[in-house]
Amino acid sequence: MYAIVRTGGKQYQVAQGDQLRVETLAGNVGETVELDDILLVADGENIKIGQPQVEGAKVTATIVEQDKAKKVLVFKKKRRKGYKVKNGHRQQYTALRIDGISI
């Protein structure tokens, strides 16, 4: 059984026991989160596709980690002008462990 979940403007395919990193969600490590923006649920031959969401479907997950990702460097340059700018950015994320999918 798997589901397609939308969170943080992105879509993820999840199954029970999976771990994934999503955009920051409110909560502390060890808390349970319910994701209810479910676009598709597949259980073997049974596939439910939402219009746009599957009614009554939920995915429960546990927050495993709240952290920052590796630094992404941004470098801008204009040739022959002496213009150079170097910036860095660390995106915050939430690591989730999927506990269950219910319809």
N, C-alpha and C. Protein backbone atom coordinates (compact mmCIF):
# COMPACT_ATOMS: atom_id res chain seq x y z
N MET A 1 0.84 -1.18 0.00
CA MET A 1 0.00 0.00 0.00
C MET A 1 0.88 1.24 0.00
N TYR A 2 0.54 2.17 -0.89
CA TYR A 2 1.28 3.43 -0.92
C TYR A 2 0.33 4.58 -1.20
N ALA A 3 0.82 5.79 -0.98
CA ALA A 3 0.00 6.98 -1.20
C ALA A 3 0.87 8.08 -1.78
N ILE A 4 0.22 9.00 -2.50
CA ILE A 4 0.90 10.20 -2.98
C ILE A 4 0.41 11.35 -2.09
N VAL A 5 1.36 12.02 -1.43
CA VAL A 5 1.06 13.06 -0.46
C VAL A 5 1.62 14.38 -0.96
N ARG A 6 0.85 15.47 -0.76
CA ARG A 6 1.33 16.80 -1.11
C ARG A 6 1.58 17.58 0.17
N THR A 7 2.80 18.07 0.35
CA THR A 7 3.15 18.90 1.50
C THR A 7 4.30 19.82 1.10
N GLY A 8 4.22 21.04 1.53
CA GLY A 8 5.27 22.01 1.23
C GLY A 8 5.40 22.32 -0.25
N GLY A 9 4.31 22.17 -1.01
CA GLY A 9 4.34 22.47 -2.44
C GLY A 9 4.96 21.38 -3.29
N LYS A 10 5.26 20.23 -2.69
CA LYS A 10 5.86 19.12 -3.42
C LYS A 10 5.01 17.87 -3.19
N GLN A 11 5.18 16.87 -4.06
CA GLN A 11 4.45 15.62 -3.93
C GLN A 11 5.44 14.49 -3.67
N TYR A 12 5.05 13.58 -2.77
CA TYR A 12 5.91 12.46 -2.39
C TYR A 12 5.11 11.17 -2.44
N GLN A 13 5.77 10.09 -2.88
CA GLN A 13 5.17 8.76 -2.80
C GLN A 13 5.67 8.14 -1.52
N VAL A 14 4.75 7.73 -0.65
CA VAL A 14 5.12 7.19 0.65
C VAL A 14 4.45 5.84 0.88
N ALA A 15 5.12 5.01 1.65
CA ALA A 15 4.58 3.73 2.10
C ALA A 15 4.90 3.60 3.59
N GLN A 16 4.25 2.68 4.25
CA GLN A 16 4.48 2.52 5.68
C GLN A 16 5.93 2.14 5.94
N GLY A 17 6.56 2.82 6.91
CA GLY A 17 7.95 2.55 7.26
C GLY A 17 8.96 3.42 6.53
N ASP A 18 8.52 4.18 5.52
CA ASP A 18 9.43 5.06 4.79
C ASP A 18 9.86 6.24 5.64
N GLN A 19 11.04 6.78 5.32
CA GLN A 19 11.51 8.02 5.91
C GLN A 19 11.72 9.01 4.80
N LEU A 20 11.29 10.25 5.01
CA LEU A 20 11.47 11.26 3.98
C LEU A 20 11.67 12.62 4.61
N ARG A 21 12.32 13.51 3.84
CA ARG A 21 12.55 14.89 4.26
C ARG A 21 11.57 15.79 3.54
N VAL A 22 10.86 16.60 4.29
CA VAL A 22 9.91 17.54 3.71
C VAL A 22 10.24 18.95 4.19
N GLU A 23 9.58 19.94 3.60
CA GLU A 23 9.73 21.31 4.07
C GLU A 23 9.32 21.36 5.54
N THR A 24 9.82 22.34 6.27
CA THR A 24 9.62 22.42 7.70
C THR A 24 8.14 22.36 8.09
N LEU A 25 7.83 21.47 9.04
CA LEU A 25 6.50 21.37 9.63
C LEU A 25 6.61 21.73 11.11
N ALA A 26 5.55 22.31 11.66
CA ALA A 26 5.54 22.66 13.08
C ALA A 26 5.48 21.40 13.92
N GLY A 27 6.24 21.36 14.99
CA GLY A 27 6.22 20.22 15.89
C GLY A 27 7.61 19.89 16.39
N ASN A 28 7.66 19.10 17.45
CA ASN A 28 8.93 18.68 18.04
C ASN A 28 9.21 17.23 17.68
N VAL A 29 10.46 16.84 17.90
CA VAL A 29 10.87 15.46 17.61
C VAL A 29 10.07 14.52 18.49
N GLY A 30 9.53 13.47 17.88
CA GLY A 30 8.74 12.47 18.59
C GLY A 30 7.25 12.69 18.50
N GLU A 31 6.82 13.87 18.06
CA GLU A 31 5.39 14.13 17.93
C GLU A 31 4.82 13.47 16.68
N THR A 32 3.52 13.23 16.69
CA THR A 32 2.83 12.62 15.55
C THR A 32 2.18 13.71 14.72
N VAL A 33 2.29 13.57 13.39
CA VAL A 33 1.72 14.53 12.46
C VAL A 33 0.78 13.79 11.53
N GLU A 34 -0.37 14.39 11.23
CA GLU A 34 -1.30 13.81 10.26
C GLU A 34 -1.24 14.62 8.97
N LEU A 35 -0.96 13.95 7.87
CA LEU A 35 -0.98 14.58 6.56
C LEU A 35 -2.29 14.20 5.91
N ASP A 36 -3.12 15.22 5.57
CA ASP A 36 -4.42 14.90 5.02
C ASP A 36 -4.62 15.43 3.61
N ASP A 37 -3.57 15.89 2.97
CA ASP A 37 -3.63 16.31 1.57
C ASP A 37 -3.15 15.13 0.72
N ILE A 38 -3.99 14.10 0.59
CA ILE A 38 -3.65 12.85 -0.09
C ILE A 38 -4.23 12.89 -1.50
N LEU A 39 -3.39 12.70 -2.50
CA LEU A 39 -3.81 12.78 -3.89
C LEU A 39 -4.18 11.42 -4.47
N LEU A 40 -3.57 10.35 -3.96
CA LEU A 40 -3.81 9.01 -4.49
C LEU A 40 -3.51 7.99 -3.41
N VAL A 41 -4.31 6.94 -3.34
CA VAL A 41 -4.04 5.82 -2.44
C VAL A 41 -4.16 4.55 -3.27
N ALA A 42 -3.12 3.71 -3.22
CA ALA A 42 -3.12 2.45 -3.97
C ALA A 42 -2.89 1.30 -2.99
N ASP A 43 -3.78 0.30 -3.06
CA ASP A 43 -3.66 -0.88 -2.22
C ASP A 43 -3.82 -2.10 -3.12
N GLY A 44 -2.72 -2.54 -3.69
CA GLY A 44 -2.78 -3.66 -4.63
C GLY A 44 -3.50 -3.25 -5.90
N GLU A 45 -4.65 -3.89 -6.17
CA GLU A 45 -5.43 -3.58 -7.37
C GLU A 45 -6.35 -2.37 -7.16
N ASN A 46 -6.67 -2.04 -5.90
CA ASN A 46 -7.55 -0.91 -5.61
C ASN A 46 -6.77 0.39 -5.65
N ILE A 47 -7.15 1.29 -6.54
CA ILE A 47 -6.51 2.59 -6.64
C ILE A 47 -7.58 3.66 -6.53
N LYS A 48 -7.40 4.57 -5.57
CA LYS A 48 -8.33 5.69 -5.41
C LYS A 48 -7.58 6.96 -5.77
N ILE A 49 -8.12 7.68 -6.76
CA ILE A 49 -7.52 8.93 -7.21
C ILE A 49 -8.42 10.06 -6.77
N GLY A 50 -7.84 11.07 -6.13
CA GLY A 50 -8.62 12.18 -5.62
C GLY A 50 -9.01 13.17 -6.69
N GLN A 51 -10.07 13.93 -6.41
CA GLN A 51 -10.56 14.95 -7.33
C GLN A 51 -10.68 16.29 -6.60
N PRO A 52 -9.71 16.99 -6.12
CA PRO A 52 -8.28 16.76 -6.23
C PRO A 52 -7.69 15.90 -5.11
N GLN A 53 -8.45 15.68 -3.99
CA GLN A 53 -7.93 14.90 -2.89
C GLN A 53 -8.84 13.71 -2.61
N VAL A 54 -8.26 12.66 -2.02
CA VAL A 54 -9.04 11.49 -1.63
C VAL A 54 -9.73 11.83 -0.31
N GLU A 55 -11.05 11.78 -0.30
CA GLU A 55 -11.82 12.14 0.89
C GLU A 55 -11.62 11.09 2.00
N GLY A 56 -11.33 11.57 3.20
CA GLY A 56 -11.20 10.69 4.36
C GLY A 56 -9.87 9.98 4.48
N ALA A 57 -8.96 10.17 3.56
CA ALA A 57 -7.66 9.49 3.62
C ALA A 57 -6.70 10.31 4.49
N LYS A 58 -5.89 9.60 5.26
CA LYS A 58 -4.90 10.25 6.13
C LYS A 58 -3.63 9.43 6.14
N VAL A 59 -2.52 10.13 6.29
CA VAL A 59 -1.23 9.48 6.49
C VAL A 59 -0.70 10.00 7.82
N THR A 60 -0.38 9.07 8.73
CA THR A 60 0.18 9.47 10.02
C THR A 60 1.68 9.25 9.98
N ALA A 61 2.40 10.22 10.53
CA ALA A 61 3.86 10.17 10.52
C ALA A 61 4.39 10.70 11.85
N THR A 62 5.60 10.28 12.19
CA THR A 62 6.28 10.73 13.39
C THR A 62 7.46 11.60 12.98
N ILE A 63 7.62 12.73 13.65
CA ILE A 63 8.76 13.61 13.37
C ILE A 63 10.01 12.98 13.97
N VAL A 64 10.99 12.72 13.11
CA VAL A 64 12.23 12.09 13.52
C VAL A 64 13.31 13.13 13.77
N GLU A 65 13.28 14.22 12.98
CA GLU A 65 14.36 15.20 13.06
C GLU A 65 13.87 16.55 12.55
N GLN A 66 14.32 17.62 13.19
CA GLN A 66 14.14 19.00 12.71
C GLN A 66 15.55 19.56 12.56
N ASP A 67 15.97 19.86 11.34
CA ASP A 67 17.36 20.24 11.13
C ASP A 67 17.49 21.14 9.90
N LYS A 68 18.74 21.47 9.57
CA LYS A 68 19.04 22.22 8.36
C LYS A 68 19.81 21.33 7.40
N ALA A 69 19.56 21.50 6.10
CA ALA A 69 20.25 20.73 5.08
C ALA A 69 21.66 21.29 4.87
N LYS A 70 22.43 20.65 4.01
CA LYS A 70 23.77 21.13 3.69
C LYS A 70 23.69 22.49 3.01
N LYS A 71 24.74 23.26 3.13
CA LYS A 71 24.75 24.61 2.58
C LYS A 71 24.78 24.56 1.05
N VAL A 72 23.94 25.40 0.47
CA VAL A 72 23.91 25.58 -0.98
C VAL A 72 24.59 26.91 -1.27
N LEU A 73 25.62 26.89 -2.11
CA LEU A 73 26.33 28.12 -2.46
C LEU A 73 25.72 28.75 -3.69
N VAL A 74 25.56 30.07 -3.64
CA VAL A 74 25.05 30.83 -4.77
C VAL A 74 26.14 31.81 -5.16
N PHE A 75 26.60 31.73 -6.41
CA PHE A 75 27.67 32.60 -6.88
C PHE A 75 27.20 33.34 -8.11
N LYS A 76 27.28 34.68 -8.06
CA LYS A 76 26.88 35.51 -9.19
C LYS A 76 28.11 36.26 -9.69
N LYS A 77 28.20 36.40 -11.01
CA LYS A 77 29.35 37.10 -11.60
C LYS A 77 28.94 37.73 -12.91
N LYS A 78 29.45 38.92 -13.15
CA LYS A 78 29.28 39.57 -14.46
C LYS A 78 30.66 39.75 -15.05
N ARG A 79 30.85 39.25 -16.24
CA ARG A 79 32.17 39.28 -16.83
C ARG A 79 32.61 40.72 -17.15
N ARG A 80 33.89 40.94 -16.97
CA ARG A 80 34.56 42.21 -17.28
C ARG A 80 34.09 43.40 -16.45
N LYS A 81 33.30 43.19 -15.43
CA LYS A 81 32.78 44.30 -14.64
C LYS A 81 33.30 44.29 -13.20
N GLY A 82 33.97 43.24 -12.82
CA GLY A 82 34.48 43.15 -11.44
C GLY A 82 33.39 42.85 -10.42
N TYR A 83 32.25 42.36 -10.88
CA TYR A 83 31.12 42.08 -10.00
C TYR A 83 31.09 40.60 -9.65
N LYS A 84 31.28 40.29 -8.36
CA LYS A 84 31.19 38.92 -7.87
C LYS A 84 30.49 38.94 -6.52
N VAL A 85 29.52 38.05 -6.35
CA VAL A 85 28.81 37.92 -5.09
C VAL A 85 28.69 36.44 -4.76
N LYS A 86 29.05 36.09 -3.54
CA LYS A 86 28.95 34.70 -3.10
C LYS A 86 28.08 34.65 -1.85
N ASN A 87 26.98 33.92 -1.92
CA ASN A 87 26.07 33.76 -0.79
C ASN A 87 25.88 32.28 -0.49
N GLY A 88 25.48 31.99 0.73
CA GLY A 88 25.16 30.63 1.12
C GLY A 88 23.79 30.56 1.76
N HIS A 89 23.19 29.37 1.72
CA HIS A 89 21.85 29.20 2.27
C HIS A 89 21.70 27.77 2.77
N ARG A 90 21.14 27.61 3.97
CA ARG A 90 20.83 26.29 4.51
C ARG A 90 19.33 26.19 4.72
N GLN A 91 18.68 25.33 3.94
CA GLN A 91 17.23 25.16 4.01
C GLN A 91 16.86 24.29 5.20
N GLN A 92 15.85 24.70 5.96
CA GLN A 92 15.38 23.88 7.07
C GLN A 92 14.47 22.78 6.55
N TYR A 93 14.51 21.62 7.22
CA TYR A 93 13.66 20.50 6.82
C TYR A 93 13.17 19.75 8.04
N THR A 94 12.17 18.92 7.82
CA THR A 94 11.64 18.01 8.83
C THR A 94 11.73 16.60 8.27
N ALA A 95 12.36 15.70 9.02
CA ALA A 95 12.44 14.30 8.62
C ALA A 95 11.27 13.55 9.26
N LEU A 96 10.51 12.82 8.44
CA LEU A 96 9.34 12.09 8.90
C LEU A 96 9.51 10.59 8.70
N ARG A 97 8.93 9.80 9.62
CA ARG A 97 8.83 8.36 9.45
C ARG A 97 7.33 8.05 9.31
N ILE A 98 6.95 7.40 8.22
CA ILE A 98 5.55 7.13 7.95
C ILE A 98 5.10 5.94 8.80
N ASP A 99 4.06 6.17 9.62
CA ASP A 99 3.57 5.11 10.52
C ASP A 99 2.39 4.35 9.92
N GLY A 100 1.54 5.02 9.16
CA GLY A 100 0.39 4.32 8.61
C GLY A 100 -0.37 5.14 7.59
N ILE A 101 -1.10 4.42 6.74
CA ILE A 101 -1.95 5.03 5.73
C ILE A 101 -3.36 4.50 5.95
N SER A 102 -4.33 5.41 6.09
CA SER A 102 -5.71 4.97 6.30
C SER A 102 -6.62 5.64 5.30
N ILE A 103 -7.66 4.93 4.90
CA ILE A 103 -8.60 5.45 3.91
C ILE A 103 -9.89 5.84 4.62
